[in-house]
Structure formats: C-alpha cells, structure tokens
Amino acid sequence: MSKLIVINNLTLDGVMQAPGRPDEDRRDGFAHGGWAVPYGDAVKGQAMGAGMAAGAAGAAALLLGRRTYEDFASFWPEQVDNPFAAVLDAMQKYVVSTTLVDPLPWQNSTLVDGDAATSVAALKRETEQDLVVLGSGELVRGLAGADLVDEYVLMIHPLVLGAGRRLFDGTGPMAALELTDSLTSTTGVFIGTYRPVGRRVT
C-alpha cells in the first residue's frame, strides 16, 4: 500500500494559489502569481526533489486534480531546458477528474474517474509507488476529509498576501498533526513535514 504525500507552497496566511507564475491562476482576480519564486534556493530544491523521489518503488507518482493537471500539462512539457520538466515528464501521473476523458495529452498520464475518495483509496491499495500531490487544493481537502493523506510537506514562506485561495479554507474537519521533520531555507522558508495523528472535536 502506498503513502499519499501532499507537497505545497504556502504563505504565512495559508495562501497556496499561483506560487510559480503570474498567469498560473488568476481566479477571483488574484494578482500575486509567482509569489514563491524569489524564495527559491538549494534547500527548497532539495526538499522538493526528496519528496518527488519518495516511494517504495524508488520514485513517486503524481496525483493531481483536473485544474492543476491542465496547468502543468500546458506549461512543463514546453520547458525543455528545465531539469524539473524532465522529471515531471517521466513520472507516472494520476489525474482525478469527472470531466476529462482519455486519452490525456501529457505522457504517462492516467485518468482516475469516479468519486475521488473512493478511487484514490483504491489506488493507494493497488500501487506500490507513493502518491505525491502538488497544488490541487480542492482534491487535497477532499482527501484529507476522507483521512487519506499520510503526510504533508509544507513550505511556509515569510510572506502575507491577505488574499488568495488557501490550502485549509475552513471547510474541513479539525485535525491534529505531528511535526516529524523540519528545516529552514536560506530565504526564510520553513519546510515542515507533518503526519496526521487524528481528529480533535471541540
């Protein structure tokens, strides 16, 4: 059985929207796209690489929601001089969607349709590769609510945006997390690895 690992960039006020590029996600008039780029360094890069290389079979597979998949598929295959693009191209990608249809355009992509929680629970049982979720906030919240997330790697940036879509948006259940590892980048990004340890009801 595989683990499901969520890796995401966040601001101090919990925003996850469009960390990589100005045009990545302009929903709700979001004007701060690319906010994580100035904080990149070798420490962040190594943490991301370690997460992508996780898994019992030696390399993880990606698990993405529809919107994140479509954004990645339109951007990363064109980045021919970026070594991260080659890694993403080669990885197995599972795409959770009720609207997309096969064949998916990006190589090594497999459609996972039906109810997200049911389908992902089955995928966890059937694959030896750990599943890494990038972005995909709606999918993460649904999987967390179904107790399917085994680990969070959160890269918390010393930045407050005041607006934007958040990873934890106040719609999910209360949950307790245990910090299992941490480090800080040279640019002040706190990289915390957390393991869910149960729910707390008030």
Protein backbone atom coordinates (compact mmCIF):
# COMPACT_ATOMS: atom_id res chain seq x y z
CA MET A 1 0.00 0.00 0.00
CA SER A 2 1.34 3.42 -0.92
CA LYS A 3 1.52 6.63 1.07
CA LEU A 4 -0.16 9.83 -0.05
CA ILE A 5 2.09 12.86 0.42
CA VAL A 6 0.95 16.46 -0.09
CA ILE A 7 3.72 18.91 -1.04
CA ASN A 8 2.68 22.54 -1.27
CA ASN A 9 3.96 26.10 -1.06
CA LEU A 10 2.08 28.30 1.40
CA THR A 11 2.26 31.86 2.66
CA LEU A 12 2.07 32.63 6.37
CA ASP A 13 -1.64 33.33 5.94
CA GLY A 14 -2.15 29.96 4.25
CA VAL A 15 -2.44 31.03 0.60
CA MET A 16 -1.44 28.36 -1.92
CA GLN A 17 -2.72 29.99 -5.10
CA ALA A 18 -0.33 30.51 -8.04
CA PRO A 19 3.07 30.27 -6.35
CA GLY A 20 5.00 29.75 -9.57
CA ARG A 21 3.98 32.24 -12.28
CA PRO A 22 1.94 35.44 -12.72
CA ASP A 23 -0.53 33.71 -15.07
CA GLU A 24 -0.74 30.43 -13.18
CA ASP A 25 -4.12 31.02 -11.56
CA ARG A 26 -5.93 34.37 -11.80
CA ARG A 27 -9.23 33.15 -10.33
CA ASP A 28 -11.02 35.65 -8.10
CA GLY A 29 -8.82 38.41 -9.56
CA PHE A 30 -5.69 37.05 -7.86
CA ALA A 31 -2.84 39.42 -8.76
CA HIS A 32 0.10 37.96 -6.83
CA GLY A 33 1.03 34.98 -9.01
CA GLY A 34 4.65 33.90 -8.77
CA TRP A 35 5.00 34.92 -5.12
CA ALA A 36 7.17 31.89 -4.22
CA VAL A 37 9.79 32.40 -6.94
CA PRO A 38 12.00 34.92 -5.06
CA TYR A 39 12.35 32.43 -2.19
CA GLY A 40 13.85 29.61 -4.22
CA ASP A 41 17.21 28.19 -3.13
CA ALA A 42 19.07 24.89 -2.97
CA VAL A 43 17.41 23.90 0.30
CA LYS A 44 13.92 24.19 -1.20
CA GLY A 45 15.05 22.42 -4.33
CA GLN A 46 16.49 19.52 -2.39
CA ALA A 47 13.36 19.19 -0.25
CA MET A 48 11.18 19.11 -3.36
CA GLY A 49 13.47 16.58 -5.03
CA ALA A 50 13.41 14.33 -1.96
CA GLY A 51 9.62 14.39 -1.92
CA MET A 52 9.39 13.56 -5.61
CA ALA A 53 11.80 10.64 -5.17
CA ALA A 54 9.81 9.11 -2.31
CA GLY A 55 8.15 5.78 -2.53
CA ALA A 56 8.62 2.10 -2.03
CA ALA A 57 9.39 1.59 -5.72
CA GLY A 58 12.10 4.25 -5.76
CA ALA A 59 10.15 7.08 -7.38
CA ALA A 60 6.78 8.52 -6.52
CA ALA A 61 3.87 9.05 -8.86
CA LEU A 62 2.00 12.33 -9.13
CA LEU A 63 -1.64 12.60 -8.12
CA LEU A 64 -3.26 15.76 -9.47
CA GLY A 65 -6.63 17.40 -9.65
CA ARG A 66 -8.03 18.44 -13.03
CA ARG A 67 -7.12 22.09 -12.86
CA THR A 68 -3.55 21.56 -11.69
CA TYR A 69 -3.06 18.83 -14.28
CA GLU A 70 -4.25 21.04 -17.13
CA ASP A 71 -1.98 23.87 -15.98
CA PHE A 72 1.05 21.59 -15.62
CA ALA A 73 0.37 19.85 -18.96
CA SER A 74 0.24 23.17 -20.80
CA PHE A 75 3.43 24.50 -19.18
CA TRP A 76 6.01 21.89 -18.20
CA PRO A 77 6.39 19.95 -21.47
CA GLU A 78 7.48 23.24 -23.10
CA GLN A 79 10.28 23.87 -20.58
CA VAL A 80 12.94 21.93 -22.46
CA ASP A 81 15.92 23.42 -20.59
CA ASN A 82 14.48 22.87 -17.11
CA PRO A 83 15.61 19.62 -15.42
CA PHE A 84 12.45 19.59 -13.30
CA ALA A 85 10.40 19.38 -16.51
CA ALA A 86 12.15 16.15 -17.50
CA VAL A 87 11.38 14.67 -14.08
CA LEU A 88 7.70 15.55 -14.38
CA ASP A 89 7.51 14.20 -17.93
CA ALA A 90 8.92 10.85 -16.84
CA MET A 91 6.76 10.43 -13.75
CA GLN A 92 3.56 8.45 -13.72
CA LYS A 93 0.70 10.92 -13.34
CA TYR A 94 -2.74 10.03 -11.99
CA VAL A 95 -5.40 12.64 -12.69
CA VAL A 96 -8.58 12.78 -10.61
CA SER A 97 -11.41 14.18 -12.71
CA THR A 98 -15.04 13.59 -13.57
CA THR A 99 -14.87 15.78 -16.70
CA LEU A 100 -11.65 14.83 -18.52
CA VAL A 101 -11.64 11.88 -20.91
CA ASP A 102 -8.94 9.55 -22.21
CA PRO A 103 -6.52 9.84 -23.82
CA LEU A 104 -4.91 12.53 -21.66
CA PRO A 105 -2.45 14.78 -23.51
CA TRP A 106 0.63 14.55 -21.30
CA GLN A 107 2.75 11.41 -21.45
CA ASN A 108 2.44 8.87 -18.63
CA SER A 109 -0.95 10.24 -17.57
CA THR A 110 -3.77 8.00 -16.32
CA LEU A 111 -7.32 9.18 -15.68
CA VAL A 112 -8.83 8.37 -12.27
CA ASP A 113 -12.56 8.98 -12.54
CA GLY A 114 -15.49 8.47 -10.24
CA ASP A 115 -15.68 9.55 -6.61
CA ALA A 116 -12.29 10.97 -5.67
CA ALA A 117 -12.04 9.48 -2.18
CA THR A 118 -13.15 6.01 -3.28
CA SER A 119 -10.94 5.99 -6.36
CA VAL A 120 -7.83 7.28 -4.57
CA ALA A 121 -8.31 4.84 -1.68
CA ALA A 122 -8.32 2.02 -4.23
CA LEU A 123 -5.26 3.46 -5.98
CA LYS A 124 -3.37 3.57 -2.67
CA ARG A 125 -4.14 -0.11 -2.12
CA GLU A 126 -3.17 -1.16 -5.63
CA THR A 127 0.10 0.70 -6.26
CA GLU A 128 3.50 0.41 -4.60
CA GLN A 129 4.53 3.93 -5.64
CA ASP A 130 3.85 6.66 -3.15
CA LEU A 131 1.48 9.31 -4.47
CA VAL A 132 2.62 12.95 -4.36
CA VAL A 133 0.04 15.71 -4.66
CA LEU A 134 1.20 19.13 -5.87
CA GLY A 135 -1.21 22.06 -5.85
CA SER A 136 -4.70 20.57 -6.29
CA GLY A 137 -6.22 22.31 -3.26
CA GLU A 138 -9.77 21.06 -3.78
CA LEU A 139 -8.54 17.50 -4.19
CA VAL A 140 -6.33 17.74 -1.08
CA ARG A 141 -9.21 18.98 1.05
CA GLY A 142 -11.42 16.14 -0.10
CA LEU A 143 -8.77 13.51 0.52
CA ALA A 144 -7.92 14.98 3.93
CA GLY A 145 -11.58 14.86 4.88
CA ALA A 146 -11.58 11.15 3.99
CA ASP A 147 -8.41 10.53 6.09
CA LEU A 148 -6.37 9.56 3.02
CA VAL A 149 -3.44 11.97 3.47
CA ASP A 150 -0.46 10.33 5.17
CA GLU A 151 1.99 13.22 5.15
CA TYR A 152 2.18 16.94 4.43
CA VAL A 153 5.37 18.69 3.33
CA LEU A 154 4.51 22.38 3.67
CA MET A 155 6.90 25.08 2.51
CA ILE A 156 5.77 28.08 4.54
CA HIS A 157 7.05 31.37 3.14
CA PRO A 158 7.69 34.53 5.21
CA LEU A 159 5.01 36.40 3.29
CA VAL A 160 1.46 37.57 3.97
CA LEU A 161 -0.69 38.17 0.90
CA GLY A 162 -4.01 38.91 2.56
CA ALA A 163 -5.98 37.33 -0.29
CA GLY A 164 -5.96 34.16 -2.33
CA ARG A 165 -7.13 30.57 -2.20
CA ARG A 166 -5.94 28.68 0.84
CA LEU A 167 -4.99 25.06 1.33
CA PHE A 168 -7.04 24.85 4.53
CA ASP A 169 -10.04 27.04 3.80
CA GLY A 170 -12.14 26.43 6.90
CA THR A 171 -14.42 23.82 5.32
CA GLY A 172 -12.72 20.66 6.56
CA PRO A 173 -12.78 18.82 9.88
CA MET A 174 -10.47 19.71 12.75
CA ALA A 175 -7.32 17.59 12.70
CA ALA A 176 -4.17 17.08 14.74
CA LEU A 177 -0.76 16.90 13.06
CA GLU A 178 2.62 15.81 14.36
CA LEU A 179 5.77 17.58 13.15
CA THR A 180 8.19 14.83 12.07
CA ASP A 181 10.91 16.85 10.35
CA SER A 182 11.80 20.48 9.68
CA LEU A 183 14.39 22.72 8.13
CA THR A 184 14.65 26.35 7.10
CA SER A 185 15.87 27.62 3.75
CA THR A 186 18.39 30.41 3.31
CA THR A 187 15.49 32.66 2.29
CA GLY A 188 13.48 32.03 5.45
CA VAL A 189 11.10 29.36 4.15
CA PHE A 190 10.13 26.92 6.90
CA ILE A 191 9.79 23.42 5.46
CA GLY A 192 7.76 21.29 7.83
CA THR A 193 6.87 17.64 7.41
CA TYR A 194 3.69 16.71 9.25
CA ARG A 195 1.89 13.44 9.89
CA PRO A 196 -1.84 13.37 10.70
CA VAL A 197 -2.44 11.79 14.10
CA GLY A 198 -6.21 12.00 14.37
CA ARG A 199 -9.06 14.40 14.64
CA ARG A 200 -9.93 16.68 17.51
CA VAL A 201 -13.55 17.53 18.09
CA THR A 202 -14.47 20.63 20.10
